[in-house]
Amino acid sequence: MSINNNNQEAAKTREQFKKESNPQPAKVRRRHIRVRILPIWLRIIIVAALIFLSLIAGAAVGYGVIGNGEAKDIFKKSTWTHIVDLIEKE
Protein backbone atom coordinates (compact mmCIF):
# COMPACT_ATOMS: atom_id res chain seq x y z
CA MET A 1 0.00 0.00 0.00
CA SER A 2 2.83 2.33 0.75
CA ILE A 3 4.28 1.76 -2.72
CA ASN A 4 1.04 2.96 -4.34
CA ASN A 5 1.00 6.03 -2.14
CA ASN A 6 4.60 6.79 -3.09
CA ASN A 7 3.78 6.38 -6.79
CA GLN A 8 0.78 8.70 -6.49
CA GLU A 9 2.88 11.26 -4.67
CA ALA A 10 5.62 10.95 -7.29
CA ALA A 11 3.06 11.47 -10.06
CA LYS A 12 1.66 14.51 -8.30
CA THR A 13 5.17 15.83 -7.82
CA ARG A 14 5.92 15.44 -11.54
CA GLU A 15 2.76 17.30 -12.45
CA GLN A 16 3.58 20.03 -9.97
CA PHE A 17 7.14 20.19 -11.29
CA LYS A 18 5.88 20.62 -14.84
CA LYS A 19 3.54 23.40 -13.77
CA GLU A 20 6.26 25.14 -11.79
CA SER A 21 8.86 24.90 -14.53
CA ASN A 22 6.44 26.24 -17.15
CA PRO A 23 4.52 29.04 -15.40
CA GLN A 24 3.50 30.66 -18.72
CA PRO A 25 0.39 29.29 -20.36
CA ALA A 26 1.07 27.29 -23.48
CA LYS A 27 0.91 29.37 -26.62
CA VAL A 28 -1.62 28.35 -29.17
CA ARG A 29 0.29 27.32 -32.25
CA ARG A 30 -1.29 27.98 -35.57
CA ARG A 31 -0.82 25.20 -38.05
CA HIS A 32 0.74 26.41 -41.25
CA ILE A 33 -0.98 24.84 -44.21
CA ARG A 34 1.53 24.00 -46.91
CA VAL A 35 0.39 24.65 -50.43
CA ARG A 36 2.24 22.49 -52.90
CA ILE A 37 3.20 24.18 -56.14
CA LEU A 38 3.53 20.87 -57.98
CA PRO A 39 1.19 18.01 -57.09
CA ILE A 40 2.71 14.62 -56.37
CA TRP A 41 1.42 13.04 -59.59
CA LEU A 42 3.07 15.80 -61.62
CA ARG A 43 6.34 15.26 -59.77
CA ILE A 44 6.25 11.57 -60.66
CA ILE A 45 5.68 12.39 -64.34
CA ILE A 46 8.54 14.92 -64.30
CA VAL A 47 10.93 12.42 -62.69
CA ALA A 48 9.95 9.73 -65.23
CA ALA A 49 10.52 12.18 -68.11
CA LEU A 50 13.92 13.20 -66.71
CA ILE A 51 14.96 9.55 -66.40
CA PHE A 52 13.88 8.92 -70.00
CA LEU A 53 15.79 11.97 -71.24
CA SER A 54 18.91 10.94 -69.33
CA LEU A 55 18.75 7.47 -70.92
CA ILE A 56 18.52 9.04 -74.39
CA ALA A 57 21.38 11.45 -73.63
CA GLY A 58 23.51 8.63 -72.22
CA ALA A 59 22.92 6.47 -75.28
CA ALA A 60 23.74 9.39 -77.60
CA VAL A 61 26.99 10.16 -75.76
CA GLY A 62 27.93 6.50 -75.51
CA TYR A 63 27.27 5.72 -79.15
CA GLY A 64 28.26 9.06 -80.64
CA VAL A 65 31.29 10.11 -78.61
CA ILE A 66 32.68 6.93 -77.12
CA GLY A 67 31.63 4.61 -79.95
CA ASN A 68 32.77 6.94 -82.76
CA GLY A 69 29.36 6.83 -84.46
CA GLU A 70 26.76 9.49 -85.07
CA ALA A 71 24.60 10.39 -82.10
CA LYS A 72 21.42 10.56 -84.19
CA ASP A 73 21.86 6.91 -85.20
CA ILE A 74 20.56 5.78 -81.80
CA PHE A 75 17.04 6.50 -83.05
CA LYS A 76 17.37 3.94 -85.88
CA LYS A 77 16.07 0.42 -85.36
CA SER A 78 19.01 -1.10 -87.27
CA THR A 79 21.45 0.29 -84.71
CA TRP A 80 19.65 -1.41 -81.83
CA THR A 81 19.29 -4.72 -83.67
CA HIS A 82 23.05 -4.61 -84.32
CA ILE A 83 23.75 -3.92 -80.63
CA VAL A 84 21.45 -6.76 -79.55
CA ASP A 85 23.11 -9.11 -82.03
CA LEU A 86 26.52 -8.23 -80.56
CA ILE A 87 25.30 -8.91 -77.03
CA GLU A 88 23.52 -12.20 -77.84
CA LYS A 89 26.33 -13.54 -80.02
CA GLU A 90 26.72 -17.30 -79.62
C-alpha atoms as a PDB file:
ATOM      1  CA  MET A   1       0.000   0.000   0.000  1.00  0.00           C
ATOM      2  CA  SER A   2       2.833   2.332   0.754  1.00  0.00           C
ATOM      3  CA  ILE A   3       4.281   1.756  -2.716  1.00  0.00           C
ATOM      4  CA  ASN A   4       1.043   2.956  -4.342  1.00  0.00           C
ATOM      5  CA  ASN A   5       1.004   6.030  -2.139  1.00  0.00           C
ATOM      6  CA  ASN A   6       4.600   6.794  -3.092  1.00  0.00           C
ATOM      7  CA  ASN A   7       3.777   6.378  -6.794  1.00  0.00           C
ATOM      8  CA  GLN A   8       0.782   8.701  -6.487  1.00  0.00           C
ATOM      9  CA  GLU A   9       2.885  11.263  -4.672  1.00  0.00           C
ATOM     10  CA  ALA A  10       5.622  10.949  -7.291  1.00  0.00           C
ATOM     11  CA  ALA A  11       3.059  11.468 -10.057  1.00  0.00           C
ATOM     12  CA  LYS A  12       1.664  14.510  -8.305  1.00  0.00           C
ATOM     13  CA  THR A  13       5.166  15.825  -7.821  1.00  0.00           C
ATOM     14  CA  ARG A  14       5.918  15.440 -11.537  1.00  0.00           C
ATOM     15  CA  GLU A  15       2.763  17.298 -12.452  1.00  0.00           C
ATOM     16  CA  GLN A  16       3.584  20.031  -9.975  1.00  0.00           C
ATOM     17  CA  PHE A  17       7.143  20.187 -11.289  1.00  0.00           C
ATOM     18  CA  LYS A  18       5.880  20.622 -14.840  1.00  0.00           C
ATOM     19  CA  LYS A  19       3.541  23.404 -13.769  1.00  0.00           C
ATOM     20  CA  GLU A  20       6.262  25.137 -11.794  1.00  0.00           C
ATOM     21  CA  SER A  21       8.864  24.896 -14.534  1.00  0.00           C
ATOM     22  CA  ASN A  22       6.438  26.240 -17.152  1.00  0.00           C
ATOM     23  CA  PRO A  23       4.525  29.044 -15.403  1.00  0.00           C
ATOM     24  CA  GLN A  24       3.497  30.659 -18.721  1.00  0.00           C
ATOM     25  CA  PRO A  25       0.390  29.291 -20.359  1.00  0.00           C
ATOM     26  CA  ALA A  26       1.067  27.290 -23.479  1.00  0.00           C
ATOM     27  CA  LYS A  27       0.908  29.372 -26.623  1.00  0.00           C
ATOM     28  CA  VAL A  28      -1.622  28.352 -29.173  1.00  0.00           C
ATOM     29  CA  ARG A  29       0.294  27.319 -32.251  1.00  0.00           C
ATOM     30  CA  ARG A  30      -1.290  27.976 -35.574  1.00  0.00           C
ATOM     31  CA  ARG A  31      -0.823  25.201 -38.049  1.00  0.00           C
ATOM     32  CA  HIS A  32       0.736  26.408 -41.247  1.00  0.00           C
ATOM     33  CA  ILE A  33      -0.982  24.843 -44.210  1.00  0.00           C
ATOM     34  CA  ARG A  34       1.529  24.001 -46.910  1.00  0.00           C
ATOM     35  CA  VAL A  35       0.387  24.648 -50.433  1.00  0.00           C
ATOM     36  CA  ARG A  36       2.236  22.491 -52.904  1.00  0.00           C
ATOM     37  CA  ILE A  37       3.201  24.178 -56.138  1.00  0.00           C
ATOM     38  CA  LEU A  38       3.526  20.873 -57.983  1.00  0.00           C
ATOM     39  CA  PRO A  39       1.191  18.008 -57.093  1.00  0.00           C
ATOM     40  CA  ILE A  40       2.707  14.616 -56.373  1.00  0.00           C
ATOM     41  CA  TRP A  41       1.416  13.042 -59.587  1.00  0.00           C
ATOM     42  CA  LEU A  42       3.070  15.801 -61.620  1.00  0.00           C
ATOM     43  CA  ARG A  43       6.343  15.262 -59.765  1.00  0.00           C
ATOM     44  CA  ILE A  44       6.245  11.568 -60.661  1.00  0.00           C
ATOM     45  CA  ILE A  45       5.683  12.394 -64.336  1.00  0.00           C
ATOM     46  CA  ILE A  46       8.539  14.922 -64.298  1.00  0.00           C
ATOM     47  CA  VAL A  47      10.929  12.424 -62.690  1.00  0.00           C
ATOM     48  CA  ALA A  48       9.955   9.728 -65.229  1.00  0.00           C
ATOM     49  CA  ALA A  49      10.523  12.180 -68.106  1.00  0.00           C
ATOM     50  CA  LEU A  50      13.920  13.196 -66.709  1.00  0.00           C
ATOM     51  CA  ILE A  51      14.957   9.545 -66.401  1.00  0.00           C
ATOM     52  CA  PHE A  52      13.880   8.922 -70.004  1.00  0.00           C
ATOM     53  CA  LEU A  53      15.793  11.971 -71.242  1.00  0.00           C
ATOM     54  CA  SER A  54      18.906  10.939 -69.331  1.00  0.00           C
ATOM     55  CA  LEU A  55      18.752   7.474 -70.922  1.00  0.00           C
ATOM     56  CA  ILE A  56      18.518   9.038 -74.385  1.00  0.00           C
ATOM     57  CA  ALA A  57      21.381  11.445 -73.634  1.00  0.00           C
ATOM     58  CA  GLY A  58      23.513   8.630 -72.218  1.00  0.00           C
ATOM     59  CA  ALA A  59      22.923   6.468 -75.279  1.00  0.00           C
ATOM     60  CA  ALA A  60      23.743   9.390 -77.596  1.00  0.00           C
ATOM     61  CA  VAL A  61      26.986  10.161 -75.756  1.00  0.00           C
ATOM     62  CA  GLY A  62      27.927   6.503 -75.513  1.00  0.00           C
ATOM     63  CA  TYR A  63      27.268   5.718 -79.152  1.00  0.00           C
ATOM     64  CA  GLY A  64      28.257   9.063 -80.637  1.00  0.00           C
ATOM     65  CA  VAL A  65      31.295  10.111 -78.614  1.00  0.00           C
ATOM     66  CA  ILE A  66      32.684   6.927 -77.117  1.00  0.00           C
ATOM     67  CA  GLY A  67      31.629   4.614 -79.950  1.00  0.00           C
ATOM     68  CA  ASN A  68      32.769   6.941 -82.765  1.00  0.00           C
ATOM     69  CA  GLY A  69      29.358   6.832 -84.456  1.00  0.00           C
ATOM     70  CA  GLU A  70      26.763   9.488 -85.070  1.00  0.00           C
ATOM     71  CA  ALA A  71      24.599  10.394 -82.102  1.00  0.00           C
ATOM     72  CA  LYS A  72      21.423  10.560 -84.190  1.00  0.00           C
ATOM     73  CA  ASP A  73      21.864   6.913 -85.197  1.00  0.00           C
ATOM     74  CA  ILE A  74      20.562   5.785 -81.799  1.00  0.00           C
ATOM     75  CA  PHE A  75      17.045   6.495 -83.051  1.00  0.00           C
ATOM     76  CA  LYS A  76      17.365   3.939 -85.876  1.00  0.00           C
ATOM     77  CA  LYS A  77      16.075   0.418 -85.364  1.00  0.00           C
ATOM     78  CA  SER A  78      19.006  -1.102 -87.267  1.00  0.00           C
ATOM     79  CA  THR A  79      21.452   0.285 -84.708  1.00  0.00           C
ATOM     80  CA  TRP A  80      19.649  -1.410 -81.830  1.00  0.00           C
ATOM     81  CA  THR A  81      19.289  -4.721 -83.673  1.00  0.00           C
ATOM     82  CA  HIS A  82      23.046  -4.612 -84.317  1.00  0.00           C
ATOM     83  CA  ILE A  83      23.750  -3.921 -80.627  1.00  0.00           C
ATOM     84  CA  VAL A  84      21.446  -6.758 -79.549  1.00  0.00           C
ATOM     85  CA  ASP A  85      23.113  -9.107 -82.026  1.00  0.00           C
ATOM     86  CA  LEU A  86      26.524  -8.231 -80.564  1.00  0.00           C
ATOM     87  CA  ILE A  87      25.296  -8.907 -77.029  1.00  0.00           C
ATOM     88  CA  GLU A  88      23.523 -12.198 -77.844  1.00  0.00           C
ATOM     89  CA  LYS A  89      26.326 -13.539 -80.015  1.00  0.00           C
ATOM     90  CA  GLU A  90      26.724 -17.298 -79.624  1.00  0.00           C
END
